[in-house]
């Protein structure tokens, strides 16, 4: 194994998030608004996407540098043909302790069993409301809540647990769904994580006034179902954990806007076209696809990745202010969440 690589703030690279496609079957208003991602939008051609061979090779390089957790993202990763094969390849890499996938759940009911059989450990499912009108307005393609709940049930039956359910909370849109979401999943073993609306990319019309602070989310739930804070499961965990006092499980809040966690961020991201980004809010990255296709050796790839990470200074959420206004940032549909 190569020597563990550390960035300028003492943060190791532990988590790798790999986008396998920039396409999605939803048009969530906070991620891929129809005004931009419409029928005229040009998605990446198939030959521009990393192949499974290339993804596996890059993943092995990162694992050799210290990565222990790999998450497959999109776009919607279940749209990538043969995703089960990729899961199997990554699950076979010695050193990967946790292989997960984030999905909108629309295709999960039909794919959960095969994903589990291939070696996937867990899934995270995006669900922004249990109210059909609200949810369909947010996904903007009319997909019903029942379809996502069916996928969650199938994933649980396949053993892809514990399931985490991500709810992006936006002021004036779905904050009234906070308590119903908590109530619905209490006692199920699933963990709802409430995420502050973030300024990822430049197309989602982000405004600070639209952010529902995590502290408000916790207060709303605590008033109905009393909560106690819980210590992180591991260094660098993004969600702040709270458990129900009656023992009915836990929730998490991800507060990138009001309570930044840059200081112990250990995540690297590979976009659908093979660009390495060291921050969710990055403006530019490092092209690994060209290195791979131009014949770079594994040692050369590892050297590039190590140098990029060692020079990493990212702390966007800590410095978010007028100084970051107007920056062109990579879209979430290219690098996942």
Protein backbone atom coordinates (compact mmCIF):
# COMPACT_ATOMS: atom_id res chain seq x y z
CA UNK A 1 0.00 0.00 0.00
CA UNK A 2 1.20 3.52 -0.81
CA UNK A 3 1.80 5.95 2.04
CA UNK A 4 -1.36 7.63 3.36
CA UNK A 5 -1.75 11.01 1.66
CA UNK A 6 -2.69 14.06 3.76
CA UNK A 7 -3.79 17.51 2.55
CA UNK A 8 -2.62 20.94 3.77
CA UNK A 9 -5.10 20.85 6.67
CA UNK A 10 -4.17 17.37 7.83
CA UNK A 11 -7.15 15.64 6.20
CA UNK A 12 -6.59 12.15 4.76
CA UNK A 13 -8.45 10.87 1.71
CA UNK A 14 -10.85 8.20 3.02
CA UNK A 15 -14.01 8.49 0.95
CA UNK A 16 -14.31 8.35 -2.84
CA UNK A 17 -17.53 9.30 -4.61
CA UNK A 18 -17.74 8.20 -8.21
CA UNK A 19 -20.36 9.59 -10.59
CA UNK A 20 -21.19 6.97 -13.22
CA UNK A 21 -23.50 9.14 -15.35
CA UNK A 22 -24.58 12.76 -15.70
CA UNK A 23 -28.09 11.70 -16.71
CA UNK A 24 -31.10 11.51 -14.41
CA UNK A 25 -34.76 10.59 -14.77
CA UNK A 26 -35.77 13.34 -12.31
CA UNK A 27 -35.49 17.10 -12.74
CA UNK A 28 -35.27 18.13 -9.12
CA UNK A 29 -35.49 21.89 -8.88
CA UNK A 30 -32.51 22.15 -6.51
CA UNK A 31 -30.24 20.01 -8.71
CA UNK A 32 -31.27 19.71 -12.39
CA UNK A 33 -33.90 22.40 -13.08
CA UNK A 34 -35.81 21.90 -16.32
CA UNK A 35 -35.00 25.43 -17.43
CA UNK A 36 -31.42 24.26 -17.98
CA UNK A 37 -31.62 20.46 -18.25
CA UNK A 38 -34.29 20.32 -20.93
CA UNK A 39 -34.63 18.50 -24.28
CA UNK A 40 -31.97 20.77 -25.77
CA UNK A 41 -29.39 20.01 -23.10
CA UNK A 42 -26.46 17.94 -24.34
CA UNK A 43 -25.48 15.20 -21.91
CA UNK A 44 -22.15 13.44 -22.16
CA UNK A 45 -21.70 11.03 -25.05
CA UNK A 46 -21.16 7.42 -23.99
CA UNK A 47 -17.49 7.40 -25.03
CA UNK A 48 -16.80 10.37 -22.76
CA UNK A 49 -17.93 8.48 -19.68
CA UNK A 50 -15.38 6.45 -17.77
CA UNK A 51 -15.67 2.77 -18.68
CA UNK A 52 -16.02 0.17 -15.93
CA UNK A 53 -12.39 -0.83 -16.51
CA UNK A 54 -11.31 2.77 -16.02
CA UNK A 55 -13.46 3.26 -12.92
CA UNK A 56 -12.13 0.07 -11.35
CA UNK A 57 -8.54 1.04 -12.08
CA UNK A 58 -8.91 4.54 -10.65
CA UNK A 59 -10.71 3.16 -7.59
CA UNK A 60 -7.83 0.76 -6.92
CA UNK A 61 -5.38 3.67 -7.03
CA UNK A 62 -7.44 5.59 -4.47
CA UNK A 63 -7.78 2.56 -2.20
CA UNK A 64 -4.00 2.18 -2.29
CA UNK A 65 -3.78 5.80 -1.09
CA UNK A 66 -6.10 5.22 1.86
CA UNK A 67 -9.71 5.26 0.61
CA UNK A 68 -11.91 2.81 2.51
CA UNK A 69 -15.40 3.91 1.47
CA UNK A 70 -16.69 4.17 -2.11
CA UNK A 71 -20.05 5.66 -3.03
CA UNK A 72 -21.55 5.45 -6.52
CA UNK A 73 -23.52 8.51 -7.56
CA UNK A 74 -24.80 10.31 -10.65
CA UNK A 75 -26.91 11.79 -12.03
CA UNK A 76 -28.94 8.73 -11.25
CA UNK A 77 -26.49 5.81 -11.05
CA UNK A 78 -29.14 3.15 -11.67
CA UNK A 79 -29.51 4.52 -15.21
CA UNK A 80 -25.99 3.30 -16.03
CA UNK A 81 -26.32 0.06 -17.95
CA UNK A 82 -24.71 -2.88 -16.19
CA UNK A 83 -24.29 -1.04 -12.88
CA UNK A 84 -24.42 -4.40 -11.07
CA UNK A 85 -21.24 -5.47 -12.85
CA UNK A 86 -19.43 -2.36 -11.66
CA UNK A 87 -20.64 -2.97 -8.12
CA UNK A 88 -19.22 -6.48 -8.26
CA UNK A 89 -15.85 -5.24 -9.49
CA UNK A 90 -15.55 -2.60 -6.79
CA UNK A 91 -16.75 -4.94 -4.06
CA UNK A 92 -13.89 -7.29 -4.95
CA UNK A 93 -11.21 -4.65 -4.29
CA UNK A 94 -9.26 -5.53 -1.15
CA UNK A 95 -9.45 -2.62 1.27
CA UNK A 96 -12.95 -1.36 0.43
CA UNK A 97 -14.81 -1.58 3.73
CA UNK A 98 -18.02 0.16 2.68
CA UNK A 99 -19.53 0.20 -0.83
CA UNK A 100 -22.66 2.31 -1.12
CA UNK A 101 -24.87 3.97 -3.73
CA UNK A 102 -27.06 7.07 -3.72
CA UNK A 103 -30.25 6.88 -5.77
CA UNK A 104 -33.56 8.69 -6.25
CA UNK A 105 -35.20 5.29 -5.77
CA UNK A 106 -37.23 5.24 -8.98
CA UNK A 107 -35.51 2.08 -10.28
CA UNK A 108 -34.54 0.61 -6.95
CA UNK A 109 -37.42 -1.86 -6.58
CA UNK A 110 -36.34 -3.73 -9.69
CA UNK A 111 -32.58 -3.54 -9.04
CA UNK A 112 -32.15 -3.89 -5.26
CA UNK A 113 -31.78 -7.67 -5.18
CA UNK A 114 -29.20 -7.75 -7.99
CA UNK A 115 -27.21 -4.92 -6.41
CA UNK A 116 -27.07 -6.74 -3.08
CA UNK A 117 -26.05 -9.97 -4.79
CA UNK A 118 -23.24 -8.11 -6.57
CA UNK A 119 -21.80 -6.92 -3.27
CA UNK A 120 -23.33 -3.51 -2.56
CA UNK A 121 -23.45 -2.87 1.19
CA UNK A 122 -26.00 -0.07 1.56
CA UNK A 123 -28.07 2.51 -0.29
CA UNK A 124 -28.98 6.10 0.37
CA UNK A 125 -32.31 7.17 -1.11
CA UNK A 126 -33.37 10.74 -1.86
CA UNK A 127 -36.93 11.57 -0.78
CA UNK A 128 -37.88 15.19 -0.18
CA UNK A 129 -41.46 14.79 1.06
CA UNK A 130 -44.10 12.18 1.78
CA UNK A 131 -46.74 14.50 0.36
CA UNK A 132 -47.29 13.54 -3.27
CA UNK A 133 -48.02 17.05 -4.53
CA UNK A 134 -44.92 18.45 -2.87
CA UNK A 135 -42.66 15.59 -3.93
CA UNK A 136 -43.84 15.59 -7.52
CA UNK A 137 -43.37 19.35 -7.74
CA UNK A 138 -39.81 18.97 -6.47
CA UNK A 139 -38.81 16.07 -8.72
CA UNK A 140 -40.67 17.88 -11.54
CA UNK A 141 -41.44 14.73 -13.52
CA UNK A 142 -44.54 13.62 -11.64
CA UNK A 143 -42.94 10.59 -10.00
CA UNK A 144 -45.02 9.46 -6.98
CA UNK A 145 -43.86 8.95 -3.41
CA UNK A 146 -45.17 5.38 -3.53
CA UNK A 147 -42.56 4.44 -6.14
CA UNK A 148 -39.72 5.56 -3.89
CA UNK A 149 -41.20 3.86 -0.82
CA UNK A 150 -41.46 0.64 -2.85
CA UNK A 151 -37.77 0.93 -3.68
CA UNK A 152 -36.87 1.49 -0.02
CA UNK A 153 -38.84 -1.60 0.97
CA UNK A 154 -37.13 -3.68 -1.72
CA UNK A 155 -33.71 -2.47 -0.61
CA UNK A 156 -34.48 -3.39 3.01
CA UNK A 157 -35.65 -6.86 1.97
CA UNK A 158 -32.44 -7.30 -0.03
CA UNK A 159 -30.34 -6.44 3.01
CA UNK A 160 -29.02 -3.07 1.82
CA UNK A 161 -29.20 -1.66 5.32
CA UNK A 162 -29.14 0.56 7.23
CA UNK A 163 -30.89 2.67 4.61
CA UNK A 164 -30.30 6.41 4.79
CA UNK A 165 -32.98 8.69 3.39
CA UNK A 166 -31.88 12.15 2.30
CA UNK A 167 -34.34 15.04 2.41
CA UNK A 168 -33.20 18.39 1.03
CA UNK A 169 -35.15 21.05 2.91
CA UNK A 170 -36.03 24.27 1.13
CA UNK A 171 -37.87 27.19 2.73
CA UNK A 172 -41.38 27.69 1.43
CA UNK A 173 -41.31 24.37 -0.41
CA UNK A 174 -41.16 21.37 1.90
CA UNK A 175 -40.28 22.40 5.45
CA UNK A 176 -43.75 21.29 6.57
CA UNK A 177 -42.70 17.75 5.60
CA UNK A 178 -39.91 17.61 8.21
CA UNK A 179 -41.92 16.15 11.09
CA UNK A 180 -44.01 13.78 8.92
CA UNK A 181 -40.79 12.37 7.44
CA UNK A 182 -39.33 11.84 10.89
CA UNK A 183 -42.54 10.23 12.11
CA UNK A 184 -42.89 7.89 9.13
CA UNK A 185 -39.41 6.39 9.45
CA UNK A 186 -39.21 6.26 13.26
CA UNK A 187 -38.82 2.69 14.42
CA UNK A 188 -37.99 1.33 10.95
CA UNK A 189 -34.23 1.20 11.38
CA UNK A 190 -33.85 3.65 8.49
CA UNK A 191 -32.12 6.99 9.14
CA UNK A 192 -33.56 10.20 7.71
CA UNK A 193 -30.96 12.90 7.07
CA UNK A 194 -32.22 16.43 6.65
CA UNK A 195 -29.96 18.44 4.33
CA UNK A 196 -29.71 22.21 4.14
CA UNK A 197 -30.35 23.55 0.62
CA UNK A 198 -26.84 24.15 -0.77
CA UNK A 199 -25.32 26.30 -3.49
CA UNK A 200 -23.93 23.39 -5.48
CA UNK A 201 -23.33 24.34 -9.11
CA UNK A 202 -24.69 27.55 -10.58
CA UNK A 203 -28.11 26.59 -11.98
CA UNK A 204 -30.31 25.88 -8.96
CA UNK A 205 -31.09 29.49 -8.05
CA UNK A 206 -29.66 29.17 -4.54
CA UNK A 207 -30.45 31.93 -2.07
CA UNK A 208 -29.61 32.03 1.64
CA UNK A 209 -33.22 32.93 2.44
CA UNK A 210 -34.26 29.50 1.08
CA UNK A 211 -32.12 27.65 3.63
CA UNK A 212 -33.87 26.04 6.60
CA UNK A 213 -31.12 25.86 9.24
CA UNK A 214 -30.39 22.44 10.68
CA UNK A 215 -31.01 23.85 14.16
CA UNK A 216 -34.59 24.63 13.14
CA UNK A 217 -35.02 21.12 11.74
CA UNK A 218 -33.85 19.60 15.03
CA UNK A 219 -36.07 21.94 17.04
CA UNK A 220 -39.17 21.07 15.02
CA UNK A 221 -38.65 17.34 15.48
CA UNK A 222 -37.57 17.63 19.12
CA UNK A 223 -40.82 19.42 19.99
CA UNK A 224 -42.77 16.34 18.90
CA UNK A 225 -40.27 13.51 19.35
CA UNK A 226 -37.61 14.47 21.94
CA UNK A 227 -34.03 14.06 20.75
CA UNK A 228 -30.56 13.76 22.23
CA UNK A 229 -27.29 14.40 20.35
CA UNK A 230 -25.10 11.40 19.53
CA UNK A 231 -21.36 11.23 18.89
CA UNK A 232 -20.20 10.71 15.27
CA UNK A 233 -19.75 7.15 14.05
CA UNK A 234 -16.33 8.05 12.62
CA UNK A 235 -14.08 11.08 12.00
CA UNK A 236 -15.31 13.10 9.03
CA UNK A 237 -18.95 11.99 9.24
CA UNK A 238 -20.95 14.75 7.56
CA UNK A 239 -24.23 14.29 9.43
CA UNK A 240 -24.72 15.44 12.99
CA UNK A 241 -26.58 12.61 14.70
CA UNK A 242 -29.53 12.75 17.07
CA UNK A 243 -31.39 9.82 18.61
CA UNK A 244 -34.96 9.62 19.80
CA UNK A 245 -35.11 9.45 23.59
CA UNK A 246 -37.69 6.68 23.40
CA UNK A 247 -35.27 4.45 21.50
CA UNK A 248 -37.10 4.63 18.15
CA UNK A 249 -33.92 5.24 16.15
CA UNK A 250 -32.06 8.31 14.99
CA UNK A 251 -31.95 11.16 12.50
CA UNK A 252 -29.13 13.20 11.03
CA UNK A 253 -28.75 16.77 9.84
CA UNK A 254 -26.26 17.90 7.22
CA UNK A 255 -25.58 21.58 7.79
CA UNK A 256 -23.05 22.61 5.17
CA UNK A 257 -24.36 26.18 5.18
CA UNK A 258 -24.88 27.02 8.86
CA UNK A 259 -22.47 24.57 10.53
CA UNK A 260 -19.66 23.84 8.03
CA UNK A 261 -17.68 20.64 8.46
CA UNK A 262 -14.79 21.39 6.09
CA UNK A 263 -12.23 20.83 8.85
CA UNK A 264 -12.46 17.05 8.74
CA UNK A 265 -13.71 16.47 5.18
CA UNK A 266 -12.08 13.34 3.76
CA UNK A 267 -14.02 13.09 0.48
CA UNK A 268 -12.73 13.08 -3.08
CA UNK A 269 -15.08 13.04 -6.08
CA UNK A 270 -14.72 11.68 -9.60
CA UNK A 271 -17.12 13.16 -12.13
CA UNK A 272 -18.88 11.16 -14.82
CA UNK A 273 -16.22 12.15 -17.35
CA UNK A 274 -13.31 11.29 -15.07
CA UNK A 275 -12.37 14.62 -13.49
CA UNK A 276 -11.12 14.57 -9.91
CA UNK A 277 -12.65 17.23 -7.65
CA UNK A 278 -11.52 17.76 -4.07
CA UNK A 279 -14.62 19.72 -2.98
CA UNK A 280 -18.35 19.55 -3.66
CA UNK A 281 -18.23 23.26 -4.49
CA UNK A 282 -15.15 23.11 -6.72
CA UNK A 283 -14.72 25.31 -9.78
CA UNK A 284 -12.12 23.13 -11.46
CA UNK A 285 -10.64 19.67 -11.22
CA UNK A 286 -7.95 17.31 -12.54
CA UNK A 287 -8.57 15.22 -15.65
CA UNK A 288 -7.82 11.59 -14.79
CA UNK A 289 -9.54 10.17 -17.86
CA UNK A 290 -6.94 11.65 -20.19
CA UNK A 291 -4.14 10.26 -18.06
CA UNK A 292 -5.67 6.78 -18.18
CA UNK A 293 -6.37 6.88 -21.90
CA UNK A 294 -2.93 8.29 -22.69
CA UNK A 295 -1.25 5.29 -21.10
CA UNK A 296 -0.28 6.48 -17.63
CA UNK A 297 0.85 3.70 -15.30
CA UNK A 298 -0.81 3.06 -11.93
CA UNK A 299 2.19 4.62 -10.20
CA UNK A 300 1.87 7.73 -12.36
CA UNK A 301 -1.85 7.96 -11.62
CA UNK A 302 -1.20 7.56 -7.90
CA UNK A 303 1.46 10.27 -8.03
CA UNK A 304 -0.94 12.74 -9.68
CA UNK A 305 -3.74 11.98 -7.21
CA UNK A 306 -1.38 12.23 -4.24
CA UNK A 307 0.00 15.57 -5.41
CA UNK A 308 -3.49 16.99 -5.98
CA UNK A 309 -4.69 15.86 -2.57
CA UNK A 310 -1.53 16.99 -0.78
CA UNK A 311 -2.04 20.49 -2.20
CA UNK A 312 -5.73 20.58 -1.23
CA UNK A 313 -6.81 23.69 0.70
CA UNK A 314 -10.59 23.51 0.19
CA UNK A 315 -12.90 25.02 2.80
CA UNK A 316 -15.65 26.57 0.71
CA UNK A 317 -18.42 26.25 3.30
CA UNK A 318 -16.28 27.97 5.92
CA UNK A 319 -15.60 30.98 3.69
CA UNK A 320 -18.99 31.16 1.92
CA UNK A 321 -19.62 34.91 1.63
CA UNK A 322 -19.52 37.72 -0.91
CA UNK A 323 -16.06 36.40 -1.79
CA UNK A 324 -17.61 33.24 -3.27
CA UNK A 325 -20.56 34.90 -5.00
CA UNK A 326 -20.49 34.43 -8.76
CA UNK A 327 -18.00 31.57 -8.78
CA UNK A 328 -18.69 28.99 -11.48
CA UNK A 329 -18.98 25.64 -9.73
CA UNK A 330 -19.34 22.13 -11.09
CA UNK A 331 -22.96 20.94 -11.22
CA UNK A 332 -24.15 18.28 -8.76
CA UNK A 333 -25.39 16.16 -11.65
CA UNK A 334 -21.74 15.65 -12.64
CA UNK A 335 -20.33 14.75 -9.22
CA UNK A 336 -23.23 13.61 -7.08
CA UNK A 337 -23.87 14.87 -3.55
